[in-house]
Amino acid sequence: MSRHYKIRDQSKLYFLSFATVNWIDVFIRPLYRDIVVDSLNYCISQKGLEVYAWCIMSSHVHLIIGSQGNPMEDIIRDLKRHTAKAILKAIAENGQESRREWMLWLFERAGKRNSNNQQYQFWQQHNHPIELNSNYLLNQKLHYIHQNPVEAGFVREPEDYPYSSAADYAGQKGLVNLSLLE
């Protein structure tokens, strides 16, 4: 990973995004989105990840995160590794998945092109962390994350999309145990 894309100050909040290889629309099925949700909650409770905002779109994930001591890069690496394995297994075992062979072929093809992989590559390698060093930037990214499903036409109001933290910011309880920004 380029030094340009490293998380330099663990005491700061960061916006980051990661996408599936070839921007494959994996997360159109709740089964695969739920694996990411469960993994985020695990990293919050067991690894010290602090999630302040999140959204799972059809091919990518957006987060605003911090950490309670553990390096964020390590947590995100583990999160991506675990979710990749679990989602690939779910795709392979899901008899209802009409795109199973096509998706697995694309993930395998991407994996063969990268010597860091044993067989498949699910996530693109970069996360593009952006340090949120001003309230303006923090609010901009929070708005961007919550507006993503609206802009995509999934919902009319951000809080109506269950795979986002927008409901939490609207006074409801969302799927991820997050820390609200003040």
N, C-alpha and C. Protein backbone atom coordinates (compact mmCIF):
# COMPACT_ATOMS: atom_id res chain seq x y z
N MET A 1 0.85 -1.17 0.00
CA MET A 1 0.00 0.00 0.00
C MET A 1 0.89 1.22 0.00
N SER A 2 0.57 2.19 -0.81
CA SER A 2 1.31 3.44 -0.90
C SER A 2 1.26 4.18 0.43
N ARG A 3 2.35 4.89 0.75
CA ARG A 3 2.38 5.68 1.98
C ARG A 3 1.30 6.75 1.94
N HIS A 4 0.94 7.17 0.74
CA HIS A 4 -0.09 8.19 0.58
C HIS A 4 -1.43 7.71 1.17
N TYR A 5 -1.65 6.42 1.17
CA TYR A 5 -2.92 5.88 1.63
C TYR A 5 -2.84 5.27 3.03
N LYS A 6 -1.88 5.63 3.80
CA LYS A 6 -1.74 5.11 5.16
C LYS A 6 -2.51 5.98 6.15
N ILE A 7 -2.94 5.34 7.22
CA ILE A 7 -3.54 6.07 8.34
C ILE A 7 -2.38 6.48 9.24
N ARG A 8 -2.11 7.76 9.29
CA ARG A 8 -0.90 8.25 9.97
C ARG A 8 -1.12 8.55 11.44
N ASP A 9 -2.27 9.07 11.79
CA ASP A 9 -2.51 9.49 13.17
C ASP A 9 -3.71 8.72 13.72
N GLN A 10 -3.44 7.74 14.57
CA GLN A 10 -4.48 6.87 15.10
C GLN A 10 -5.47 7.59 16.01
N SER A 11 -5.14 8.80 16.43
CA SER A 11 -6.03 9.55 17.33
C SER A 11 -7.10 10.34 16.55
N LYS A 12 -7.02 10.35 15.24
CA LYS A 12 -7.95 11.10 14.40
C LYS A 12 -9.05 10.19 13.85
N LEU A 13 -10.11 10.82 13.36
CA LEU A 13 -11.15 10.08 12.65
C LEU A 13 -10.80 10.08 11.17
N TYR A 14 -11.21 8.99 10.50
CA TYR A 14 -10.94 8.85 9.08
C TYR A 14 -12.20 8.42 8.34
N PHE A 15 -12.32 8.95 7.12
CA PHE A 15 -13.31 8.47 6.16
C PHE A 15 -12.56 7.51 5.26
N LEU A 16 -13.14 6.32 5.06
CA LEU A 16 -12.55 5.43 4.08
C LEU A 16 -13.64 4.64 3.37
N SER A 17 -13.26 4.22 2.18
CA SER A 17 -14.15 3.44 1.33
C SER A 17 -13.37 2.26 0.79
N PHE A 18 -14.05 1.14 0.66
CA PHE A 18 -13.44 0.03 -0.05
C PHE A 18 -14.51 -0.64 -0.89
N ALA A 19 -14.07 -1.13 -2.05
CA ALA A 19 -14.98 -1.66 -3.05
C ALA A 19 -14.57 -3.07 -3.45
N THR A 20 -15.54 -3.80 -3.97
CA THR A 20 -15.26 -5.12 -4.51
C THR A 20 -14.44 -4.96 -5.79
N VAL A 21 -13.68 -5.99 -6.13
CA VAL A 21 -12.94 -5.94 -7.39
C VAL A 21 -13.94 -5.80 -8.53
N ASN A 22 -13.55 -5.07 -9.53
CA ASN A 22 -14.40 -4.83 -10.70
C ASN A 22 -15.75 -4.19 -10.35
N TRP A 23 -15.85 -3.66 -9.14
CA TRP A 23 -17.08 -3.02 -8.66
C TRP A 23 -18.30 -3.94 -8.84
N ILE A 24 -18.10 -5.22 -8.55
CA ILE A 24 -19.17 -6.21 -8.69
C ILE A 24 -20.27 -5.92 -7.66
N ASP A 25 -21.50 -5.88 -8.09
CA ASP A 25 -22.64 -5.58 -7.22
C ASP A 25 -23.01 -6.80 -6.37
N VAL A 26 -22.18 -7.09 -5.40
CA VAL A 26 -22.41 -8.23 -4.51
C VAL A 26 -23.49 -7.92 -3.50
N PHE A 27 -23.52 -6.67 -3.02
CA PHE A 27 -24.35 -6.34 -1.87
C PHE A 27 -25.79 -5.98 -2.24
N ILE A 28 -26.27 -6.57 -3.32
CA ILE A 28 -27.70 -6.44 -3.63
C ILE A 28 -28.50 -7.46 -2.83
N ARG A 29 -27.81 -8.40 -2.22
CA ARG A 29 -28.47 -9.43 -1.41
C ARG A 29 -28.20 -9.17 0.08
N PRO A 30 -29.25 -9.20 0.90
CA PRO A 30 -29.07 -8.98 2.35
C PRO A 30 -28.09 -9.95 3.00
N LEU A 31 -28.04 -11.18 2.54
CA LEU A 31 -27.14 -12.18 3.11
C LEU A 31 -25.70 -11.68 3.16
N TYR A 32 -25.25 -11.05 2.09
CA TYR A 32 -23.87 -10.59 2.01
C TYR A 32 -23.68 -9.28 2.78
N ARG A 33 -24.67 -8.42 2.76
CA ARG A 33 -24.59 -7.18 3.56
C ARG A 33 -24.54 -7.51 5.04
N ASP A 34 -25.31 -8.51 5.45
CA ASP A 34 -25.35 -8.89 6.87
C ASP A 34 -23.99 -9.39 7.37
N ILE A 35 -23.22 -10.01 6.49
CA ILE A 35 -21.88 -10.46 6.88
C ILE A 35 -21.01 -9.24 7.22
N VAL A 36 -21.13 -8.18 6.44
CA VAL A 36 -20.37 -6.96 6.72
C VAL A 36 -20.85 -6.33 8.02
N VAL A 37 -22.16 -6.26 8.22
CA VAL A 37 -22.72 -5.69 9.45
C VAL A 37 -22.22 -6.47 10.67
N ASP A 38 -22.32 -7.79 10.62
CA ASP A 38 -21.86 -8.62 11.74
C ASP A 38 -20.37 -8.43 12.00
N SER A 39 -19.59 -8.30 10.94
CA SER A 39 -18.15 -8.11 11.09
C SER A 39 -17.83 -6.74 11.68
N LEU A 40 -18.56 -5.72 11.29
CA LEU A 40 -18.36 -4.40 11.89
C LEU A 40 -18.66 -4.45 13.39
N ASN A 41 -19.78 -5.07 13.75
CA ASN A 41 -20.13 -5.18 15.16
C ASN A 41 -19.10 -5.99 15.94
N TYR A 42 -18.55 -7.03 15.34
CA TYR A 42 -17.51 -7.80 16.00
C TYR A 42 -16.27 -6.94 16.23
N CYS A 43 -15.86 -6.19 15.21
CA CYS A 43 -14.67 -5.35 15.34
C CYS A 43 -14.87 -4.24 16.36
N ILE A 44 -16.10 -3.78 16.50
CA ILE A 44 -16.41 -2.77 17.52
C ILE A 44 -16.27 -3.37 18.91
N SER A 45 -16.86 -4.55 19.11
CA SER A 45 -16.86 -5.14 20.45
C SER A 45 -15.55 -5.83 20.82
N GLN A 46 -14.81 -6.34 19.85
CA GLN A 46 -13.64 -7.15 20.16
C GLN A 46 -12.30 -6.53 19.78
N LYS A 47 -12.30 -5.57 18.87
CA LYS A 47 -11.02 -5.05 18.38
C LYS A 47 -10.83 -3.56 18.64
N GLY A 48 -11.82 -2.92 19.25
CA GLY A 48 -11.67 -1.50 19.57
C GLY A 48 -11.98 -0.55 18.43
N LEU A 49 -12.61 -1.04 17.38
CA LEU A 49 -13.00 -0.16 16.28
C LEU A 49 -14.12 0.76 16.74
N GLU A 50 -14.02 2.01 16.39
CA GLU A 50 -15.09 2.97 16.64
C GLU A 50 -15.68 3.35 15.28
N VAL A 51 -16.95 3.08 15.08
CA VAL A 51 -17.63 3.43 13.83
C VAL A 51 -18.57 4.58 14.15
N TYR A 52 -18.39 5.67 13.42
CA TYR A 52 -19.20 6.87 13.61
C TYR A 52 -20.24 7.04 12.50
N ALA A 53 -19.97 6.45 11.35
CA ALA A 53 -20.93 6.47 10.24
C ALA A 53 -20.54 5.34 9.30
N TRP A 54 -21.54 4.80 8.61
CA TRP A 54 -21.29 3.69 7.70
C TRP A 54 -22.41 3.59 6.70
N CYS A 55 -22.11 2.96 5.58
CA CYS A 55 -23.12 2.67 4.57
C CYS A 55 -22.58 1.57 3.67
N ILE A 56 -23.43 0.59 3.40
CA ILE A 56 -23.08 -0.46 2.45
C ILE A 56 -23.89 -0.22 1.19
N MET A 57 -23.19 0.05 0.11
CA MET A 57 -23.83 0.22 -1.19
C MET A 57 -23.73 -1.11 -1.95
N SER A 58 -24.13 -1.15 -3.20
CA SER A 58 -24.18 -2.42 -3.91
C SER A 58 -22.81 -3.04 -4.17
N SER A 59 -21.76 -2.21 -4.26
CA SER A 59 -20.43 -2.74 -4.56
C SER A 59 -19.34 -2.19 -3.65
N HIS A 60 -19.71 -1.38 -2.68
CA HIS A 60 -18.69 -0.76 -1.85
C HIS A 60 -19.26 -0.37 -0.48
N VAL A 61 -18.31 -0.04 0.42
CA VAL A 61 -18.64 0.32 1.79
C VAL A 61 -17.97 1.65 2.11
N HIS A 62 -18.69 2.54 2.80
CA HIS A 62 -18.13 3.80 3.28
C HIS A 62 -18.16 3.77 4.81
N LEU A 63 -17.12 4.30 5.44
CA LEU A 63 -17.04 4.34 6.89
C LEU A 63 -16.42 5.65 7.36
N ILE A 64 -16.85 6.11 8.51
CA ILE A 64 -16.09 7.08 9.30
C ILE A 64 -15.73 6.33 10.56
N ILE A 65 -14.42 6.20 10.80
CA ILE A 65 -13.95 5.35 11.89
C ILE A 65 -12.88 6.04 12.74
N GLY A 66 -12.71 5.47 13.92
CA GLY A 66 -11.62 5.78 14.82
C GLY A 66 -11.24 4.48 15.50
N SER A 67 -10.35 4.56 16.48
CA SER A 67 -9.92 3.35 17.17
C SER A 67 -9.63 3.64 18.63
N GLN A 68 -9.83 2.64 19.45
CA GLN A 68 -9.51 2.71 20.88
C GLN A 68 -8.17 2.02 21.12
N GLY A 69 -7.16 2.39 20.39
CA GLY A 69 -5.83 1.86 20.64
C GLY A 69 -5.28 0.94 19.57
N ASN A 70 -6.07 0.01 19.07
CA ASN A 70 -5.58 -0.89 18.03
C ASN A 70 -5.43 -0.12 16.71
N PRO A 71 -4.37 -0.38 15.96
CA PRO A 71 -4.18 0.31 14.68
C PRO A 71 -5.36 0.07 13.73
N MET A 72 -5.91 1.16 13.22
CA MET A 72 -7.07 1.05 12.32
C MET A 72 -6.74 0.23 11.08
N GLU A 73 -5.54 0.37 10.55
CA GLU A 73 -5.16 -0.40 9.36
C GLU A 73 -5.24 -1.90 9.63
N ASP A 74 -4.83 -2.31 10.81
CA ASP A 74 -4.89 -3.74 11.16
C ASP A 74 -6.34 -4.21 11.29
N ILE A 75 -7.16 -3.39 11.91
CA ILE A 75 -8.58 -3.76 12.07
C ILE A 75 -9.25 -3.87 10.70
N ILE A 76 -9.02 -2.89 9.84
CA ILE A 76 -9.65 -2.91 8.51
C ILE A 76 -9.11 -4.07 7.68
N ARG A 77 -7.82 -4.34 7.79
CA ARG A 77 -7.24 -5.50 7.08
C ARG A 77 -7.96 -6.78 7.52
N ASP A 78 -8.11 -6.96 8.83
CA ASP A 78 -8.78 -8.16 9.35
C ASP A 78 -10.25 -8.19 8.94
N LEU A 79 -10.91 -7.06 8.99
CA LEU A 79 -12.32 -6.97 8.58
C LEU A 79 -12.47 -7.37 7.12
N LYS A 80 -11.62 -6.83 6.26
CA LYS A 80 -11.70 -7.15 4.84
C LYS A 80 -11.37 -8.62 4.58
N ARG A 81 -10.38 -9.14 5.28
CA ARG A 81 -10.00 -10.55 5.10
C ARG A 81 -11.15 -11.46 5.52
N HIS A 82 -11.72 -11.20 6.70
CA HIS A 82 -12.81 -12.05 7.19
C HIS A 82 -14.04 -11.95 6.29
N THR A 83 -14.44 -10.73 5.94
CA THR A 83 -15.65 -10.59 5.12
C THR A 83 -15.45 -11.21 3.74
N ALA A 84 -14.25 -11.08 3.19
CA ALA A 84 -13.99 -11.69 1.88
C ALA A 84 -14.20 -13.20 1.93
N LYS A 85 -13.59 -13.83 2.92
CA LYS A 85 -13.72 -15.29 3.04
C LYS A 85 -15.17 -15.70 3.29
N ALA A 86 -15.84 -15.00 4.20
CA ALA A 86 -17.22 -15.36 4.55
C ALA A 86 -18.18 -15.13 3.38
N ILE A 87 -18.01 -14.04 2.67
CA ILE A 87 -18.91 -13.74 1.55
C ILE A 87 -18.65 -14.70 0.40
N LEU A 88 -17.38 -14.96 0.10
CA LEU A 88 -17.09 -15.92 -0.97
C LEU A 88 -17.67 -17.30 -0.66
N LYS A 89 -17.57 -17.71 0.60
CA LYS A 89 -18.15 -19.00 1.02
C LYS A 89 -19.67 -18.96 0.87
N ALA A 90 -20.28 -17.84 1.27
CA ALA A 90 -21.74 -17.71 1.16
C ALA A 90 -22.18 -17.74 -0.30
N ILE A 91 -21.42 -17.08 -1.17
CA ILE A 91 -21.76 -17.09 -2.60
C ILE A 91 -21.67 -18.52 -3.13
N ALA A 92 -20.59 -19.22 -2.80
CA ALA A 92 -20.38 -20.58 -3.30
C ALA A 92 -21.46 -21.54 -2.81
N GLU A 93 -21.94 -21.31 -1.59
CA GLU A 93 -22.92 -22.23 -1.00
C GLU A 93 -24.37 -21.82 -1.24
N ASN A 94 -24.59 -20.65 -1.79
CA ASN A 94 -25.95 -20.14 -1.97
C ASN A 94 -26.54 -20.67 -3.27
N GLY A 95 -27.37 -21.69 -3.15
CA GLY A 95 -28.01 -22.28 -4.32
C GLY A 95 -28.99 -21.34 -5.01
N GLN A 96 -29.39 -20.28 -4.34
CA GLN A 96 -30.31 -19.30 -4.92
C GLN A 96 -29.57 -18.18 -5.66
N GLU A 97 -28.24 -18.19 -5.61
CA GLU A 97 -27.46 -17.12 -6.23
C GLU A 97 -27.32 -17.37 -7.72
N SER A 98 -28.09 -16.63 -8.52
CA SER A 98 -28.09 -16.83 -9.97
C SER A 98 -26.77 -16.40 -10.62
N ARG A 99 -26.01 -15.55 -9.96
CA ARG A 99 -24.76 -15.04 -10.53
C ARG A 99 -23.53 -15.72 -9.92
N ARG A 100 -23.73 -16.81 -9.22
CA ARG A 100 -22.67 -17.47 -8.46
C ARG A 100 -21.44 -17.78 -9.32
N GLU A 101 -21.59 -18.51 -10.38
CA GLU A 101 -20.44 -18.91 -11.19
C GLU A 101 -19.74 -17.71 -11.80
N TRP A 102 -20.50 -16.74 -12.27
CA TRP A 102 -19.93 -15.54 -12.88
C TRP A 102 -19.12 -14.74 -11.84
N MET A 103 -19.70 -14.54 -10.65
CA MET A 103 -18.99 -13.78 -9.62
C MET A 103 -17.72 -14.51 -9.18
N LEU A 104 -17.83 -15.80 -8.91
CA LEU A 104 -16.66 -16.55 -8.47
C LEU A 104 -15.56 -16.55 -9.54
N TRP A 105 -15.96 -16.62 -10.80
CA TRP A 105 -14.99 -16.56 -11.89
C TRP A 105 -14.27 -15.21 -11.89
N LEU A 106 -15.00 -14.12 -11.71
CA LEU A 106 -14.38 -12.79 -11.67
C LEU A 106 -13.46 -12.63 -10.46
N PHE A 107 -13.88 -13.12 -9.30
CA PHE A 107 -13.04 -13.04 -8.11
C PHE A 107 -11.78 -13.91 -8.25
N GLU A 108 -11.94 -15.07 -8.87
CA GLU A 108 -10.78 -15.93 -9.09
C GLU A 108 -9.82 -15.30 -10.10
N ARG A 109 -10.36 -14.74 -11.15
CA ARG A 109 -9.53 -14.07 -12.16
C ARG A 109 -8.73 -12.92 -11.54
N ALA A 110 -9.40 -12.13 -10.70
CA ALA A 110 -8.70 -11.04 -10.01
C ALA A 110 -7.64 -11.59 -9.07
N GLY A 111 -7.94 -12.70 -8.41
CA GLY A 111 -6.99 -13.32 -7.49
C GLY A 111 -5.74 -13.82 -8.18
N LYS A 112 -5.89 -14.36 -9.36
CA LYS A 112 -4.73 -14.88 -10.11
C LYS A 112 -3.82 -13.75 -10.58
N ARG A 113 -4.36 -12.57 -10.73
CA ARG A 113 -3.57 -11.42 -11.18
C ARG A 113 -2.80 -10.75 -10.05
N ASN A 114 -3.04 -11.19 -8.82
CA ASN A 114 -2.40 -10.57 -7.67
C ASN A 114 -1.68 -11.64 -6.87
N SER A 115 -0.37 -11.54 -6.79
CA SER A 115 0.43 -12.58 -6.11
C SER A 115 0.19 -12.62 -4.60
N ASN A 116 -0.51 -11.65 -4.05
CA ASN A 116 -0.82 -11.65 -2.61
C ASN A 116 -1.95 -12.61 -2.26
N ASN A 117 -2.63 -13.15 -3.26
CA ASN A 117 -3.81 -14.00 -3.03
C ASN A 117 -3.49 -15.46 -3.26
N GLN A 118 -4.23 -16.32 -2.54
CA GLN A 118 -4.10 -17.75 -2.76
C GLN A 118 -5.00 -18.21 -3.89
N GLN A 119 -6.24 -17.68 -3.94
CA GLN A 119 -7.15 -18.09 -5.00
C GLN A 119 -8.01 -16.94 -5.49
N TYR A 120 -8.73 -16.30 -4.57
CA TYR A 120 -9.66 -15.26 -4.95
C TYR A 120 -9.21 -13.89 -4.42
N GLN A 121 -9.67 -12.85 -5.09
CA GLN A 121 -9.57 -11.51 -4.53
C GLN A 121 -10.97 -10.93 -4.55
N PHE A 122 -11.48 -10.57 -3.39
CA PHE A 122 -12.83 -10.03 -3.26
C PHE A 122 -12.81 -8.50 -3.24
N TRP A 123 -12.00 -7.92 -2.34
CA TRP A 123 -11.93 -6.47 -2.18
C TRP A 123 -10.77 -5.90 -3.00
N GLN A 124 -10.96 -4.70 -3.51
CA GLN A 124 -9.83 -3.96 -4.03
C GLN A 124 -8.89 -3.69 -2.86
N GLN A 125 -7.61 -3.55 -3.13
CA GLN A 125 -6.64 -3.48 -2.05
C GLN A 125 -6.61 -2.15 -1.32
N HIS A 126 -6.99 -1.08 -1.94
CA HIS A 126 -6.85 0.23 -1.31
C HIS A 126 -8.11 0.64 -0.55
N ASN A 127 -7.94 1.56 0.40
CA ASN A 127 -9.04 2.07 1.20
C ASN A 127 -9.19 3.59 1.07
N HIS A 128 -8.17 4.24 0.59
CA HIS A 128 -8.13 5.70 0.44
C HIS A 128 -8.59 6.43 1.70
N PRO A 129 -7.91 6.23 2.83
CA PRO A 129 -8.34 6.93 4.05
C PRO A 129 -8.12 8.44 3.92
N ILE A 130 -9.10 9.19 4.37
CA ILE A 130 -9.01 10.65 4.40
C ILE A 130 -9.15 11.09 5.85
N GLU A 131 -8.14 11.76 6.35
CA GLU A 131 -8.19 12.26 7.72
C GLU A 131 -9.23 13.37 7.80
N LEU A 132 -10.12 13.25 8.76
CA LEU A 132 -11.19 14.25 8.94
C LEU A 132 -10.71 15.28 9.96
N ASN A 133 -9.95 16.24 9.46
CA ASN A 133 -9.26 17.18 10.33
C ASN A 133 -9.98 18.52 10.50
N SER A 134 -11.22 18.60 10.04
CA SER A 134 -12.03 19.80 10.26
C SER A 134 -13.50 19.40 10.37
N ASN A 135 -14.27 20.23 11.04
CA ASN A 135 -15.71 19.96 11.16
C ASN A 135 -16.38 20.00 9.79
N TYR A 136 -15.91 20.89 8.93
CA TYR A 136 -16.47 20.98 7.58
C TYR A 136 -16.30 19.64 6.85
N LEU A 137 -15.09 19.11 6.86
CA LEU A 137 -14.82 17.85 6.17
C LEU A 137 -15.59 16.69 6.81
N LEU A 138 -15.65 16.67 8.12
CA LEU A 138 -16.40 15.63 8.83
C LEU A 138 -17.88 15.66 8.45
N ASN A 139 -18.48 16.84 8.47
CA ASN A 139 -19.89 16.96 8.10
C ASN A 139 -20.13 16.66 6.63
N GLN A 140 -19.19 17.04 5.78
CA GLN A 140 -19.31 16.74 4.35
C GLN A 140 -19.34 15.23 4.12
N LYS A 141 -18.43 14.50 4.75
CA LYS A 141 -18.36 13.04 4.56
C LYS A 141 -19.56 12.34 5.20
N LEU A 142 -20.01 12.83 6.34
CA LEU A 142 -21.19 12.26 6.98
C LEU A 142 -22.41 12.41 6.07
N HIS A 143 -22.58 13.59 5.51
CA HIS A 143 -23.68 13.85 4.58
C HIS A 143 -23.55 12.96 3.33
N TYR A 144 -22.34 12.86 2.81
CA TYR A 144 -22.09 12.04 1.62
C TYR A 144 -22.48 10.58 1.87
N ILE A 145 -22.04 10.04 3.00
CA ILE A 145 -22.35 8.64 3.34
C ILE A 145 -23.86 8.42 3.41
N HIS A 146 -24.56 9.31 4.09
CA HIS A 146 -26.00 9.12 4.28
C HIS A 146 -26.82 9.42 3.04
N GLN A 147 -26.31 10.25 2.16
CA GLN A 147 -27.03 10.57 0.92
C GLN A 147 -26.79 9.53 -0.17
N ASN A 148 -25.77 8.69 -0.05
CA ASN A 148 -25.46 7.70 -1.07
C ASN A 148 -26.67 6.87 -1.50
N PRO A 149 -27.42 6.26 -0.56
CA PRO A 149 -28.58 5.46 -0.97
C PRO A 149 -29.70 6.29 -1.61
N VAL A 150 -29.81 7.54 -1.22
CA VAL A 150 -30.80 8.43 -1.82
C VAL A 150 -30.39 8.74 -3.26
N GLU A 151 -29.13 9.10 -3.44
CA GLU A 151 -28.62 9.41 -4.78
C GLU A 151 -28.71 8.20 -5.71
N ALA A 152 -28.55 7.02 -5.15
CA ALA A 152 -28.63 5.79 -5.95
C ALA A 152 -30.08 5.40 -6.26
N GLY A 153 -31.03 6.08 -5.62
CA GLY A 153 -32.44 5.77 -5.86
C GLY A 153 -32.97 4.61 -5.04
N PHE A 154 -32.24 4.19 -4.02
CA PHE A 154 -32.69 3.08 -3.18
C PHE A 154 -33.83 3.50 -2.27
N VAL A 155 -33.76 4.72 -1.74
CA VAL A 155 -34.75 5.24 -0.79
C VAL A 155 -34.96 6.73 -1.05
N ARG A 156 -36.04 7.26 -0.48
CA ARG A 156 -36.28 8.71 -0.58
C ARG A 156 -35.59 9.49 0.52
N GLU A 157 -35.57 8.89 1.71
CA GLU A 157 -34.96 9.54 2.87
C GLU A 157 -33.80 8.68 3.37
N PRO A 158 -32.69 9.31 3.75
CA PRO A 158 -31.52 8.53 4.19
C PRO A 158 -31.83 7.53 5.30
N GLU A 159 -32.65 7.92 6.27
CA GLU A 159 -32.92 7.05 7.42
C GLU A 159 -33.76 5.82 7.06
N ASP A 160 -34.30 5.78 5.84
CA ASP A 160 -35.08 4.63 5.40
C ASP A 160 -34.21 3.48 4.88
N TYR A 161 -32.93 3.73 4.70
CA TYR A 161 -32.02 2.69 4.20
C TYR A 161 -31.42 1.96 5.40
N PRO A 162 -31.75 0.69 5.59
CA PRO A 162 -31.30 -0.01 6.81
C PRO A 162 -29.80 -0.28 6.88
N TYR A 163 -29.10 -0.27 5.76
CA TYR A 163 -27.68 -0.59 5.76
C TYR A 163 -26.82 0.67 5.76
N SER A 164 -27.18 1.55 6.70
CA SER A 164 -26.51 2.83 6.85
C SER A 164 -26.73 3.31 8.28
N SER A 165 -25.90 4.25 8.70
CA SER A 165 -26.05 4.83 10.03
C SER A 165 -27.02 6.00 10.06
N ALA A 166 -27.65 6.33 8.94
CA ALA A 166 -28.57 7.48 8.89
C ALA A 166 -29.71 7.34 9.89
N ALA A 167 -30.21 6.13 10.10
CA ALA A 167 -31.29 5.93 11.07
C ALA A 167 -30.85 6.32 12.48
N ASP A 168 -29.62 5.99 12.84
CA ASP A 168 -29.09 6.36 14.16
C ASP A 168 -29.08 7.87 14.34
N TYR A 169 -28.71 8.59 13.29
CA TYR A 169 -28.65 10.05 13.37
C TYR A 169 -30.04 10.68 13.31
N ALA A 170 -31.06 9.88 12.97
CA ALA A 170 -32.45 10.35 12.97
C ALA A 170 -33.17 9.91 14.24
N GLY A 171 -32.42 9.41 15.24
CA GLY A 171 -33.01 9.04 16.52
C GLY A 171 -33.51 7.62 16.61
N GLN A 172 -33.24 6.79 15.61
CA GLN A 172 -33.64 5.40 15.62
C GLN A 172 -32.42 4.53 15.94
N LYS A 173 -32.63 3.23 16.08
CA LYS A 173 -31.52 2.31 16.32
C LYS A 173 -31.21 1.57 15.03
N GLY A 174 -29.97 1.69 14.58
CA GLY A 174 -29.53 1.02 13.38
C GLY A 174 -28.93 -0.34 13.67
N LEU A 175 -28.34 -0.95 12.65
CA LEU A 175 -27.83 -2.31 12.73
C LEU A 175 -26.43 -2.41 13.32
N VAL A 176 -25.67 -1.33 13.27
CA VAL A 176 -24.30 -1.33 13.78
C VAL A 176 -24.24 -0.53 15.07
N ASN A 177 -23.51 -1.05 16.04
CA ASN A 177 -23.37 -0.38 17.35
C ASN A 177 -22.35 0.73 17.25
N LEU A 178 -22.80 1.88 16.78
CA LEU A 178 -21.87 2.95 16.51
C LEU A 178 -21.84 4.01 17.59
N SER A 179 -20.84 4.86 17.47
CA SER A 179 -20.70 6.04 18.32
C SER A 179 -21.17 7.23 17.51
N LEU A 180 -22.13 7.97 18.04
CA LEU A 180 -22.66 9.12 17.31
C LEU A 180 -21.70 10.30 17.41
N LEU A 181 -21.59 11.03 16.34
CA LEU A 181 -20.83 12.28 16.34
C LEU A 181 -21.68 13.34 16.99
N GLU A 182 -21.07 14.23 17.71
CA GLU A 182 -21.84 15.29 18.39
C GLU A 182 -21.88 16.54 17.56
